[in-house]
């Protein structure tokens, strides 16, 4: 059971980061989070990539649920989007844990003189 703790922790970290970033963006912009403007635009490629990397699972889930309500996708496609969002949140969590570990290592190895 111990071998499942790290992936579960990484998934929780990714899901939390995605939810916080997505909710903050929705509050600031006042629009539902989706793969559309004002979040993803061709005019601001770097910003769009950063937004998509951080809040992508939330965006994908919102778009998939909206498409399902409108009848544009079936149940199998909705499940596929759900599995992709889960994998994306896990990958995001792994990246964030790696960055935090790297930053902690840098901070602990640095000598601070008072």
PDB file of N, CA and C in Angstrom:
ATOM      1  N   UNK A   1       0.815  -1.199   0.000  1.00  0.00           N
ATOM      2  CA  UNK A   1       0.000   0.000   0.000  1.00  0.00           C
ATOM      3  C   UNK A   1       0.855   1.257   0.000  1.00  0.00           C
ATOM      4  N   UNK A   2       2.076   1.152   0.516  1.00  0.00           N
ATOM      5  CA  UNK A   2       2.954   2.320   0.564  1.00  0.00           C
ATOM      6  C   UNK A   2       3.347   2.820  -0.817  1.00  0.00           C
ATOM      7  N   UNK A   3       3.370   1.912  -1.794  1.00  0.00           N
ATOM      8  CA  UNK A   3       3.761   2.318  -3.140  1.00  0.00           C
ATOM      9  C   UNK A   3       2.712   3.211  -3.798  1.00  0.00           C
ATOM     10  N   UNK A   4       1.513   3.257  -3.263  1.00  0.00           N
ATOM     11  CA  UNK A   4       0.455   4.099  -3.823  1.00  0.00           C
ATOM     12  C   UNK A   4       0.396   5.486  -3.185  1.00  0.00           C
ATOM     13  N   UNK A   5       1.110   5.691  -2.095  1.00  0.00           N
ATOM     14  CA  UNK A   5       1.014   6.961  -1.393  1.00  0.00           C
ATOM     15  C   UNK A   5       1.583   8.128  -2.197  1.00  0.00           C
ATOM     16  N   UNK A   6       2.727   7.940  -2.819  1.00  0.00           N
ATOM     17  CA  UNK A   6       3.327   9.032  -3.583  1.00  0.00           C
ATOM     18  C   UNK A   6       2.478   9.430  -4.797  1.00  0.00           C
ATOM     19  N   UNK A   7       1.978   8.474  -5.607  1.00  0.00           N
ATOM     20  CA  UNK A   7       1.081   8.894  -6.701  1.00  0.00           C
ATOM     21  C   UNK A   7      -0.204   9.564  -6.203  1.00  0.00           C
ATOM     22  N   UNK A   8      -0.755   9.070  -5.105  1.00  0.00           N
ATOM     23  CA  UNK A   8      -1.964   9.700  -4.555  1.00  0.00           C
ATOM     24  C   UNK A   8      -1.670  11.106  -4.053  1.00  0.00           C
ATOM     25  N   UNK A   9      -0.522  11.273  -3.421  1.00  0.00           N
ATOM     26  CA  UNK A   9      -0.121  12.601  -2.950  1.00  0.00           C
ATOM     27  C   UNK A   9       0.105  13.538  -4.138  1.00  0.00           C
ATOM     28  N   UNK A  10       0.778  13.047  -5.169  1.00  0.00           N
ATOM     29  CA  UNK A  10       1.018  13.865  -6.364  1.00  0.00           C
ATOM     30  C   UNK A  10      -0.301  14.249  -7.028  1.00  0.00           C
ATOM     31  N   UNK A  11      -1.243  13.318  -7.086  1.00  0.00           N
ATOM     32  CA  UNK A  11      -2.553  13.624  -7.662  1.00  0.00           C
ATOM     33  C   UNK A  11      -3.273  14.691  -6.839  1.00  0.00           C
ATOM     34  N   UNK A  12      -3.203  14.568  -5.515  1.00  0.00           N
ATOM     35  CA  UNK A  12      -3.851  15.555  -4.649  1.00  0.00           C
ATOM     36  C   UNK A  12      -3.215  16.934  -4.810  1.00  0.00           C
ATOM     37  N   UNK A  13      -1.893  16.979  -4.916  1.00  0.00           N
ATOM     38  CA  UNK A  13      -1.198  18.250  -5.125  1.00  0.00           C
ATOM     39  C   UNK A  13      -1.612  18.868  -6.462  1.00  0.00           C
ATOM     40  N   UNK A  14      -1.626  18.065  -7.520  1.00  0.00           N
ATOM     41  CA  UNK A  14      -2.019  18.563  -8.839  1.00  0.00           C
ATOM     42  C   UNK A  14      -3.459  19.032  -8.885  1.00  0.00           C
ATOM     43  N   UNK A  15      -4.348  18.270  -8.271  1.00  0.00           N
ATOM     44  CA  UNK A  15      -5.765  18.645  -8.253  1.00  0.00           C
ATOM     45  C   UNK A  15      -5.983  19.922  -7.458  1.00  0.00           C
ATOM     46  N   UNK A  16      -5.279  20.060  -6.342  1.00  0.00           N
ATOM     47  CA  UNK A  16      -5.396  21.264  -5.527  1.00  0.00           C
ATOM     48  C   UNK A  16      -4.871  22.484  -6.269  1.00  0.00           C
ATOM     49  N   UNK A  17      -3.704  22.346  -6.884  1.00  0.00           N
ATOM     50  CA  UNK A  17      -3.128  23.470  -7.636  1.00  0.00           C
ATOM     51  C   UNK A  17      -4.024  23.860  -8.804  1.00  0.00           C
ATOM     52  N   UNK A  18      -4.549  22.870  -9.490  1.00  0.00           N
ATOM     53  CA  UNK A  18      -5.445  23.132 -10.627  1.00  0.00           C
ATOM     54  C   UNK A  18      -6.716  23.834 -10.158  1.00  0.00           C
ATOM     55  N   UNK A  19      -7.293  23.365  -9.077  1.00  0.00           N
ATOM     56  CA  UNK A  19      -8.514  23.985  -8.558  1.00  0.00           C
ATOM     57  C   UNK A  19      -8.299  25.399  -8.075  1.00  0.00           C
ATOM     58  N   UNK A  20      -7.195  25.618  -7.359  1.00  0.00           N
ATOM     59  CA  UNK A  20      -6.903  26.970  -6.872  1.00  0.00           C
ATOM     60  C   UNK A  20      -6.653  27.933  -8.027  1.00  0.00           C
ATOM     61  N   UNK A  21      -5.839  27.502  -8.987  1.00  0.00           N
ATOM     62  CA  UNK A  21      -5.541  28.370 -10.135  1.00  0.00           C
ATOM     63  C   UNK A  21      -6.799  28.641 -10.952  1.00  0.00           C
ATOM     64  N   UNK A  22      -7.578  27.604 -11.215  1.00  0.00           N
ATOM     65  CA  UNK A  22      -8.794  27.773 -11.999  1.00  0.00           C
ATOM     66  C   UNK A  22      -9.829  28.648 -11.319  1.00  0.00           C
ATOM     67  N   UNK A  23     -10.022  28.442 -10.024  1.00  0.00           N
ATOM     68  CA  UNK A  23     -10.991  29.258  -9.295  1.00  0.00           C
ATOM     69  C   UNK A  23     -10.559  30.718  -9.227  1.00  0.00           C
ATOM     70  N   UNK A  24      -9.268  30.933  -9.009  1.00  0.00           N
ATOM     71  CA  UNK A  24      -8.764  32.314  -8.978  1.00  0.00           C
ATOM     72  C   UNK A  24      -8.961  32.995 -10.324  1.00  0.00           C
ATOM     73  N   UNK A  25      -8.703  32.276 -11.410  1.00  0.00           N
ATOM     74  CA  UNK A  25      -8.890  32.866 -12.743  1.00  0.00           C
ATOM     75  C   UNK A  25     -10.354  33.161 -13.028  1.00  0.00           C
ATOM     76  N   UNK A  26     -11.249  32.273 -12.598  1.00  0.00           N
ATOM     77  CA  UNK A  26     -12.676  32.528 -12.795  1.00  0.00           C
ATOM     78  C   UNK A  26     -13.130  33.749 -12.012  1.00  0.00           C
ATOM     79  N   UNK A  27     -12.630  33.906 -10.793  1.00  0.00           N
ATOM     80  CA  UNK A  27     -13.004  35.056  -9.968  1.00  0.00           C
ATOM     81  C   UNK A  27     -12.491  36.349 -10.590  1.00  0.00           C
ATOM     82  N   UNK A  28     -11.240  36.342 -11.044  1.00  0.00           N
ATOM     83  CA  UNK A  28     -10.636  37.556 -11.612  1.00  0.00           C
ATOM     84  C   UNK A  28     -11.303  37.946 -12.926  1.00  0.00           C
ATOM     85  N   UNK A  29     -11.513  36.970 -13.810  1.00  0.00           N
ATOM     86  CA  UNK A  29     -12.058  37.286 -15.136  1.00  0.00           C
ATOM     87  C   UNK A  29     -13.574  37.332 -15.180  1.00  0.00           C
ATOM     88  N   UNK A  30     -14.228  36.616 -14.293  1.00  0.00           N
ATOM     89  CA  UNK A  30     -15.680  36.622 -14.275  1.00  0.00           C
ATOM     90  C   UNK A  30     -16.312  35.744 -15.344  1.00  0.00           C
ATOM     91  N   UNK A  31     -15.529  34.879 -15.972  1.00  0.00           N
ATOM     92  CA  UNK A  31     -16.041  33.971 -17.000  1.00  0.00           C
ATOM     93  C   UNK A  31     -15.780  32.533 -16.568  1.00  0.00           C
ATOM     94  N   UNK A  32     -16.612  31.627 -17.079  1.00  0.00           N
ATOM     95  CA  UNK A  32     -16.403  30.204 -16.823  1.00  0.00           C
ATOM     96  C   UNK A  32     -15.090  29.778 -17.463  1.00  0.00           C
ATOM     97  N   UNK A  33     -14.322  28.972 -16.758  1.00  0.00           N
ATOM     98  CA  UNK A  33     -13.016  28.529 -17.226  1.00  0.00           C
ATOM     99  C   UNK A  33     -13.193  27.546 -18.378  1.00  0.00           C
ATOM    100  N   UNK A  34     -12.545  27.841 -19.517  1.00  0.00           N
ATOM    101  CA  UNK A  34     -12.639  26.989 -20.698  1.00  0.00           C
ATOM    102  C   UNK A  34     -11.439  27.242 -21.596  1.00  0.00           C
ATOM    103  N   UNK A  35     -11.288  26.387 -22.591  1.00  0.00           N
ATOM    104  CA  UNK A  35     -10.232  26.577 -23.583  1.00  0.00           C
ATOM    105  C   UNK A  35     -10.682  27.628 -24.599  1.00  0.00           C
ATOM    106  N   UNK A  36     -10.953  28.802 -24.146  1.00  0.00           N
ATOM    107  CA  UNK A  36     -11.428  29.889 -25.006  1.00  0.00           C
ATOM    108  C   UNK A  36     -10.973  31.207 -24.404  1.00  0.00           C
ATOM    109  N   UNK A  37     -11.265  32.288 -25.117  1.00  0.00           N
ATOM    110  CA  UNK A  37     -10.905  33.611 -24.603  1.00  0.00           C
ATOM    111  C   UNK A  37     -11.725  33.898 -23.356  1.00  0.00           C
ATOM    112  N   UNK A  38     -11.241  34.552 -22.399  1.00  0.00           N
ATOM    113  CA  UNK A  38     -10.010  35.328 -22.282  1.00  0.00           C
ATOM    114  C   UNK A  38      -8.817  34.523 -21.787  1.00  0.00           C
ATOM    115  N   UNK A  39      -8.990  33.214 -21.585  1.00  0.00           N
ATOM    116  CA  UNK A  39      -7.921  32.408 -20.996  1.00  0.00           C
ATOM    117  C   UNK A  39      -6.904  31.932 -22.031  1.00  0.00           C
ATOM    118  N   UNK A  40      -7.366  31.477 -23.164  1.00  0.00           N
ATOM    119  CA  UNK A  40      -6.482  30.965 -24.208  1.00  0.00           C
ATOM    120  C   UNK A  40      -6.686  31.807 -25.462  1.00  0.00           C
ATOM    121  N   UNK A  41      -5.645  32.546 -25.856  1.00  0.00           N
ATOM    122  CA  UNK A  41      -5.725  33.399 -27.039  1.00  0.00           C
ATOM    123  C   UNK A  41      -4.457  33.254 -27.866  1.00  0.00           C
ATOM    124  N   UNK A  42      -4.568  33.350 -29.188  1.00  0.00           N
ATOM    125  CA  UNK A  42      -3.380  33.286 -30.024  1.00  0.00           C
ATOM    126  C   UNK A  42      -2.480  34.520 -29.858  1.00  0.00           C
ATOM    127  N   UNK A  43      -3.037  35.600 -29.361  1.00  0.00           N
ATOM    128  CA  UNK A  43      -2.250  36.825 -29.195  1.00  0.00           C
ATOM    129  C   UNK A  43      -1.265  36.714 -28.037  1.00  0.00           C
ATOM    130  N   UNK A  44      -1.573  35.887 -27.055  1.00  0.00           N
ATOM    131  CA  UNK A  44      -0.721  35.731 -25.875  1.00  0.00           C
ATOM    132  C   UNK A  44      -0.395  34.247 -25.699  1.00  0.00           C
ATOM    133  N   UNK A  45       0.521  33.748 -26.486  1.00  0.00           N
ATOM    134  CA  UNK A  45       0.831  32.318 -26.511  1.00  0.00           C
ATOM    135  C   UNK A  45       1.423  31.841 -25.178  1.00  0.00           C
ATOM    136  N   UNK A  46       2.397  32.569 -24.646  1.00  0.00           N
ATOM    137  CA  UNK A  46       3.060  32.135 -23.411  1.00  0.00           C
ATOM    138  C   UNK A  46       2.066  32.134 -22.249  1.00  0.00           C
ATOM    139  N   UNK A  47       1.264  33.185 -22.149  1.00  0.00           N
ATOM    140  CA  UNK A  47       0.253  33.241 -21.093  1.00  0.00           C
ATOM    141  C   UNK A  47      -0.758  32.104 -21.252  1.00  0.00           C
ATOM    142  N   UNK A  48      -1.160  31.838 -22.471  1.00  0.00           N
ATOM    143  CA  UNK A  48      -2.114  30.757 -22.726  1.00  0.00           C
ATOM    144  C   UNK A  48      -1.535  29.401 -22.336  1.00  0.00           C
ATOM    145  N   UNK A  49      -0.256  29.181 -22.638  1.00  0.00           N
ATOM    146  CA  UNK A  49       0.379  27.921 -22.259  1.00  0.00           C
ATOM    147  C   UNK A  49       0.475  27.771 -20.748  1.00  0.00           C
ATOM    148  N   UNK A  50       0.814  28.858 -20.057  1.00  0.00           N
ATOM    149  CA  UNK A  50       0.918  28.810 -18.597  1.00  0.00           C
ATOM    150  C   UNK A  50      -0.448  28.538 -17.958  1.00  0.00           C
ATOM    151  N   UNK A  51      -1.465  29.212 -18.456  1.00  0.00           N
ATOM    152  CA  UNK A  51      -2.821  29.017 -17.935  1.00  0.00           C
ATOM    153  C   UNK A  51      -3.278  27.589 -18.185  1.00  0.00           C
ATOM    154  N   UNK A  52      -3.021  27.095 -19.384  1.00  0.00           N
ATOM    155  CA  UNK A  52      -3.438  25.748 -19.729  1.00  0.00           C
ATOM    156  C   UNK A  52      -2.676  24.705 -18.920  1.00  0.00           C
ATOM    157  N   UNK A  53      -1.399  24.927 -18.692  1.00  0.00           N
ATOM    158  CA  UNK A  53      -0.614  23.971 -17.906  1.00  0.00           C
ATOM    159  C   UNK A  53      -1.116  23.916 -16.466  1.00  0.00           C
ATOM    160  N   UNK A  54      -1.446  25.058 -15.893  1.00  0.00           N
ATOM    161  CA  UNK A  54      -1.863  25.094 -14.484  1.00  0.00           C
ATOM    162  C   UNK A  54      -3.312  24.674 -14.276  1.00  0.00           C
ATOM    163  N   UNK A  55      -4.202  25.153 -15.096  1.00  0.00           N
ATOM    164  CA  UNK A  55      -5.631  24.907 -14.878  1.00  0.00           C
ATOM    165  C   UNK A  55      -6.252  24.019 -15.947  1.00  0.00           C
ATOM    166  N   UNK A  56      -5.421  23.339 -16.718  1.00  0.00           N
ATOM    167  CA  UNK A  56      -5.901  22.514 -17.819  1.00  0.00           C
ATOM    168  C   UNK A  56      -6.912  21.446 -17.451  1.00  0.00           C
ATOM    169  N   UNK A  57      -6.687  20.668 -16.385  1.00  0.00           N
ATOM    170  CA  UNK A  57      -7.694  19.651 -16.043  1.00  0.00           C
ATOM    171  C   UNK A  57      -9.058  20.252 -15.717  1.00  0.00           C
ATOM    172  N   UNK A  58      -9.062  21.405 -15.048  1.00  0.00           N
ATOM    173  CA  UNK A  58     -10.304  22.098 -14.723  1.00  0.00           C
ATOM    174  C   UNK A  58     -10.974  22.581 -16.019  1.00  0.00           C
ATOM    175  N   UNK A  59     -10.183  23.127 -16.940  1.00  0.00           N
ATOM    176  CA  UNK A  59     -10.716  23.594 -18.229  1.00  0.00           C
ATOM    177  C   UNK A  59     -11.304  22.433 -19.022  1.00  0.00           C
ATOM    178  N   UNK A  60     -10.561  21.331 -19.084  1.00  0.00           N
ATOM    179  CA  UNK A  60     -11.012  20.161 -19.837  1.00  0.00           C
ATOM    180  C   UNK A  60     -12.304  19.605 -19.264  1.00  0.00           C
ATOM    181  N   UNK A  61     -12.392  19.518 -17.959  1.00  0.00           N
ATOM    182  CA  UNK A  61     -13.604  19.009 -17.323  1.00  0.00           C
ATOM    183  C   UNK A  61     -14.793  19.929 -17.582  1.00  0.00           C
ATOM    184  N   UNK A  62     -14.584  21.237 -17.463  1.00  0.00           N
ATOM    185  CA  UNK A  62     -15.673  22.189 -17.746  1.00  0.00           C
ATOM    186  C   UNK A  62     -16.157  22.067 -19.184  1.00  0.00           C
ATOM    187  N   UNK A  63     -15.218  22.025 -20.137  1.00  0.00           N
ATOM    188  CA  UNK A  63     -15.602  21.925 -21.552  1.00  0.00           C
ATOM    189  C   UNK A  63     -16.299  20.600 -21.861  1.00  0.00           C
ATOM    190  N   UNK A  64     -15.799  19.512 -21.281  1.00  0.00           N
ATOM    191  CA  UNK A  64     -16.404  18.206 -21.530  1.00  0.00           C
ATOM    192  C   UNK A  64     -17.818  18.126 -20.956  1.00  0.00           C
ATOM    193  N   UNK A  65     -18.008  18.645 -19.753  1.00  0.00           N
ATOM    194  CA  UNK A  65     -19.356  18.630 -19.169  1.00  0.00           C
ATOM    195  C   UNK A  65     -20.321  19.516 -19.945  1.00  0.00           C
ATOM    196  N   UNK A  66     -19.841  20.664 -20.413  1.00  0.00           N
ATOM    197  CA  UNK A  66     -20.699  21.541 -21.222  1.00  0.00           C
ATOM    198  C   UNK A  66     -21.057  20.865 -22.547  1.00  0.00           C
ATOM    199  N   UNK A  67     -20.094  20.211 -23.167  1.00  0.00           N
ATOM    200  CA  UNK A  67     -20.363  19.515 -24.428  1.00  0.00           C
ATOM    201  C   UNK A  67     -21.329  18.349 -24.215  1.00  0.00           C
ATOM    202  N   UNK A  68     -21.219  17.673 -23.105  1.00  0.00           N
ATOM    203  CA  UNK A  68     -22.130  16.566 -22.806  1.00  0.00           C
ATOM    204  C   UNK A  68     -23.550  17.080 -22.581  1.00  0.00           C
ATOM    205  N   UNK A  69     -23.688  18.193 -21.866  1.00  0.00           N
ATOM    206  CA  UNK A  69     -25.020  18.775 -21.648  1.00  0.00           C
ATOM    207  C   UNK A  69     -25.674  19.189 -22.967  1.00  0.00           C
ATOM    208  N   UNK A  70     -24.857  19.680 -23.900  1.00  0.00           N
ATOM    209  CA  UNK A  70     -25.383  20.121 -25.191  1.00  0.00           C
ATOM    210  C   UNK A  70     -25.541  18.965 -26.178  1.00  0.00           C
ATOM    211  N   UNK A  71     -25.113  17.775 -25.806  1.00  0.00           N
ATOM    212  CA  UNK A  71     -25.255  16.611 -26.662  1.00  0.00           C
ATOM    213  C   UNK A  71     -24.194  16.512 -27.756  1.00  0.00           C
ATOM    214  N   UNK A  72     -23.105  17.247 -27.638  1.00  0.00           N
ATOM    215  CA  UNK A  72     -22.059  17.213 -28.671  1.00  0.00           C
ATOM    216  C   UNK A  72     -21.117  16.032 -28.513  1.00  0.00           C
ATOM    217  N   UNK A  73     -21.023  15.455 -27.306  1.00  0.00           N
ATOM    218  CA  UNK A  73     -20.180  14.279 -27.101  1.00  0.00           C
ATOM    219  C   UNK A  73     -20.970  13.216 -26.353  1.00  0.00           C
ATOM    220  N   UNK A  74     -20.537  11.982 -26.488  1.00  0.00           N
ATOM    221  CA  UNK A  74     -21.198  10.867 -25.824  1.00  0.00           C
ATOM    222  C   UNK A  74     -20.554  10.542 -24.485  1.00  0.00           C
ATOM    223  N   UNK A  75     -21.059   9.500 -23.874  1.00  0.00           N
ATOM    224  CA  UNK A  75     -20.570   9.088 -22.563  1.00  0.00           C
ATOM    225  C   UNK A  75     -19.124   8.610 -22.630  1.00  0.00           C
ATOM    226  N   UNK A  76     -18.783   7.876 -23.686  1.00  0.00           N
ATOM    227  CA  UNK A  76     -17.415   7.375 -23.820  1.00  0.00           C
ATOM    228  C   UNK A  76     -16.415   8.518 -23.961  1.00  0.00           C
ATOM    229  N   UNK A  77     -16.779   9.549 -24.700  1.00  0.00           N
ATOM    230  CA  UNK A  77     -15.907  10.713 -24.841  1.00  0.00           C
ATOM    231  C   UNK A  77     -15.785  11.466 -23.525  1.00  0.00           C
ATOM    232  N   UNK A  78     -16.863  11.556 -22.783  1.00  0.00           N
ATOM    233  CA  UNK A  78     -16.823  12.205 -21.465  1.00  0.00           C
ATOM    234  C   UNK A  78     -15.907  11.437 -20.517  1.00  0.00           C
ATOM    235  N   UNK A  79     -15.986  10.121 -20.525  1.00  0.00           N
ATOM    236  CA  UNK A  79     -15.101   9.306 -19.694  1.00  0.00           C
ATOM    237  C   UNK A  79     -13.646   9.455 -20.119  1.00  0.00           C
ATOM    238  N   UNK A  80     -13.416   9.549 -21.413  1.00  0.00           N
ATOM    239  CA  UNK A  80     -12.064   9.758 -21.919  1.00  0.00           C
ATOM    240  C   UNK A  80     -11.507  11.093 -21.445  1.00  0.00           C
ATOM    241  N   UNK A  81     -12.321  12.130 -21.496  1.00  0.00           N
ATOM    242  CA  UNK A  81     -11.896  13.448 -21.003  1.00  0.00           C
ATOM    243  C   UNK A  81     -11.632  13.405 -19.501  1.00  0.00           C
ATOM    244  N   UNK A  82     -12.454  12.664 -18.763  1.00  0.00           N
ATOM    245  CA  UNK A  82     -12.244  12.524 -17.328  1.00  0.00           C
ATOM    246  C   UNK A  82     -10.935  11.814 -17.010  1.00  0.00           C
ATOM    247  N   UNK A  83     -10.637  10.758 -17.736  1.00  0.00           N
ATOM    248  CA  UNK A  83      -9.365  10.045 -17.529  1.00  0.00           C
ATOM    249  C   UNK A  83      -8.177  10.919 -17.896  1.00  0.00           C
ATOM    250  N   UNK A  84      -8.319  11.692 -18.958  1.00  0.00           N
ATOM    251  CA  UNK A  84      -7.248  12.612 -19.353  1.00  0.00           C
ATOM    252  C   UNK A  84      -7.035  13.682 -18.288  1.00  0.00           C
ATOM    253  N   UNK A  85      -8.112  14.208 -17.736  1.00  0.00           N
ATOM    254  CA  UNK A  85      -7.988  15.224 -16.675  1.00  0.00           C
ATOM    255  C   UNK A  85      -7.323  14.642 -15.428  1.00  0.00           C
ATOM    256  N   UNK A  86      -7.636  13.395 -15.101  1.00  0.00           N
ATOM    257  CA  UNK A  86      -6.997  12.743 -13.953  1.00  0.00           C
ATOM    258  C   UNK A  86      -5.503  12.570 -14.196  1.00  0.00           C
ATOM    259  N   UNK A  87      -5.137  12.092 -15.382  1.00  0.00           N
ATOM    260  CA  UNK A  87      -3.721  11.914 -15.711  1.00  0.00           C
ATOM    261  C   UNK A  87      -2.999  13.255 -15.735  1.00  0.00           C
ATOM    262  N   UNK A  88      -3.663  14.281 -16.253  1.00  0.00           N
ATOM    263  CA  UNK A  88      -3.078  15.627 -16.316  1.00  0.00           C
ATOM    264  C   UNK A  88      -2.837  16.181 -14.907  1.00  0.00           C
ATOM    265  N   UNK A  89      -3.802  15.989 -14.015  1.00  0.00           N
ATOM    266  CA  UNK A  89      -3.637  16.452 -12.635  1.00  0.00           C
ATOM    267  C   UNK A  89      -2.498  15.706 -11.941  1.00  0.00           C
ATOM    268  N   UNK A  90      -2.361  14.415 -12.218  1.00  0.00           N
ATOM    269  CA  UNK A  90      -1.256  13.641 -11.657  1.00  0.00           C
ATOM    270  C   UNK A  90       0.080  14.170 -12.177  1.00  0.00           C
ATOM    271  N   UNK A  91       0.167  14.410 -13.486  1.00  0.00           N
ATOM    272  CA  UNK A  91       1.407  14.942 -14.058  1.00  0.00           C
ATOM    273  C   UNK A  91       1.726  16.328 -13.505  1.00  0.00           C
ATOM    274  N   UNK A  92       0.716  17.161 -13.354  1.00  0.00           N
ATOM    275  CA  UNK A  92       0.918  18.490 -12.771  1.00  0.00           C
ATOM    276  C   UNK A  92       1.439  18.379 -11.345  1.00  0.00           C
ATOM    277  N   UNK A  93       0.887  17.467 -10.573  1.00  0.00           N
ATOM    278  CA  UNK A  93       1.349  17.255  -9.210  1.00  0.00           C
ATOM    279  C   UNK A  93       2.794  16.792  -9.161  1.00  0.00           C
ATOM    280  N   UNK A  94       3.173  15.890 -10.055  1.00  0.00           N
ATOM    281  CA  UNK A  94       4.556  15.414 -10.112  1.00  0.00           C
ATOM    282  C   UNK A  94       5.499  16.558 -10.437  1.00  0.00           C
ATOM    283  N   UNK A  95       5.120  17.391 -11.401  1.00  0.00           N
ATOM    284  CA  UNK A  95       5.956  18.534 -11.777  1.00  0.00           C
ATOM    285  C   UNK A  95       6.083  19.511 -10.608  1.00  0.00           C
ATOM    286  N   UNK A  96       4.986  19.809  -9.939  1.00  0.00           N
ATOM    287  CA  UNK A  96       5.033  20.747  -8.813  1.00  0.00           C
ATOM    288  C   UNK A  96       5.844  20.211  -7.644  1.00  0.00           C
ATOM    289  N   UNK A  97       5.722  18.917  -7.354  1.00  0.00           N
ATOM    290  CA  UNK A  97       6.519  18.320  -6.282  1.00  0.00           C
ATOM    291  C   UNK A  97       7.998  18.350  -6.647  1.00  0.00           C
ATOM    292  N   UNK A  98       8.312  18.084  -7.902  1.00  0.00           N
ATOM    293  CA  UNK A  98       9.700  18.124  -8.358  1.00  0.00           C
ATOM    294  C   UNK A  98      10.269  19.532  -8.248  1.00  0.00           C
ATOM    295  N   UNK A  99       9.504  20.524  -8.658  1.00  0.00           N
ATOM    296  CA  UNK A  99       9.961  21.915  -8.555  1.00  0.00           C
ATOM    297  C   UNK A  99      10.157  22.308  -7.093  1.00  0.00           C
ATOM    298  N   UNK A 100       9.220  21.917  -6.228  1.00  0.00           N
ATOM    299  CA  UNK A 100       9.344  22.240  -4.807  1.00  0.00           C
ATOM    300  C   UNK A 100      10.554  21.548  -4.189  1.00  0.00           C
ATOM    301  N   UNK A 101      10.793  20.309  -4.564  1.00  0.00           N
ATOM    302  CA  UNK A 101      11.952  19.582  -4.050  1.00  0.00           C
ATOM    303  C   UNK A 101      13.251  20.214  -4.525  1.00  0.00           C
ATOM    304  N   UNK A 102      13.286  20.601  -5.782  1.00  0.00           N
ATOM    305  CA  UNK A 102      14.463  21.249  -6.346  1.00  0.00           C
ATOM    306  C   UNK A 102      14.723  22.588  -5.670  1.00  0.00           C
ATOM    307  N   UNK A 103      13.666  23.373  -5.474  1.00  0.00           N
ATOM    308  CA  UNK A 103      13.813  24.683  -4.831  1.00  0.00           C
ATOM    309  C   UNK A 103      14.244  24.532  -3.373  1.00  0.00           C
ATOM    310  N   UNK A 104      13.711  23.546  -2.685  1.00  0.00           N
ATOM    311  CA  UNK A 104      14.107  23.300  -1.301  1.00  0.00           C
ATOM    312  C   UNK A 104      15.579  22.910  -1.222  1.00  0.00           C
ATOM    313  N   UNK A 105      16.023  22.097  -2.174  1.00  0.00           N
ATOM    314  CA  UNK A 105      17.427  21.719  -2.216  1.00  0.00           C
ATOM    315  C   UNK A 105      18.325  22.905  -2.473  1.00  0.00           C
ATOM    316  N   UNK A 106      17.903  23.797  -3.349  1.00  0.00           N
ATOM    317  CA  UNK A 106      18.683  25.001  -3.618  1.00  0.00           C
ATOM    318  C   UNK A 106      18.750  25.909  -2.405  1.00  0.00           C
ATOM    319  N   UNK A 107      17.618  26.073  -1.728  1.00  0.00           N
ATOM    320  CA  UNK A 107      17.586  26.950  -0.556  1.00  0.00           C
ATOM    321  C   UNK A 107      18.396  26.379   0.610  1.00  0.00           C
ATOM    322  N   UNK A 108      18.364  25.072   0.781  1.00  0.00           N
ATOM    323  CA  UNK A 108      19.097  24.488   1.895  1.00  0.00           C
ATOM    324  C   UNK A 108      20.604  24.457   1.637  1.00  0.00           C
ATOM    325  N   UNK A 109      21.003  24.430   0.363  1.00  0.00           N
ATOM    326  CA  UNK A 109      22.431  24.399   0.049  1.00  0.00           C
ATOM    327  C   UNK A 109      23.044  25.790   0.007  1.00  0.00           C
ATOM    328  N   UNK A 110      22.215  26.807  -0.094  1.00  0.00           N
ATOM    329  CA  UNK A 110      22.732  28.177  -0.145  1.00  0.00           C
ATOM    330  C   UNK A 110      23.175  28.617   1.243  1.00  0.00           C
ATOM    331  N   UNK A 111      24.284  29.314   1.276  1.00  0.00           N
ATOM    332  CA  UNK A 111      24.788  29.829   2.552  1.00  0.00           C
ATOM    333  C   UNK A 111      24.335  31.269   2.708  1.00  0.00           C
ATOM    334  N   UNK A 112      23.590  31.497   3.772  1.00  0.00           N
ATOM    335  CA  UNK A 112      23.128  32.853   4.041  1.00  0.00           C
ATOM    336  C   UNK A 112      24.007  33.465   5.114  1.00  0.00           C
ATOM    337  N   UNK A 113      24.559  34.609   4.825  1.00  0.00           N
ATOM    338  CA  UNK A 113      25.388  35.297   5.834  1.00  0.00           C
ATOM    339  C   UNK A 113      24.585  36.440   6.437  1.00  0.00           C
ATOM    340  N   UNK A 114      24.642  36.525   7.731  1.00  0.00           N
ATOM    341  CA  UNK A 114      23.872  37.548   8.432  1.00  0.00           C
ATOM    342  C   UNK A 114      24.703  38.780   8.672  1.00  0.00           C
TER     343      UNK A 114
END
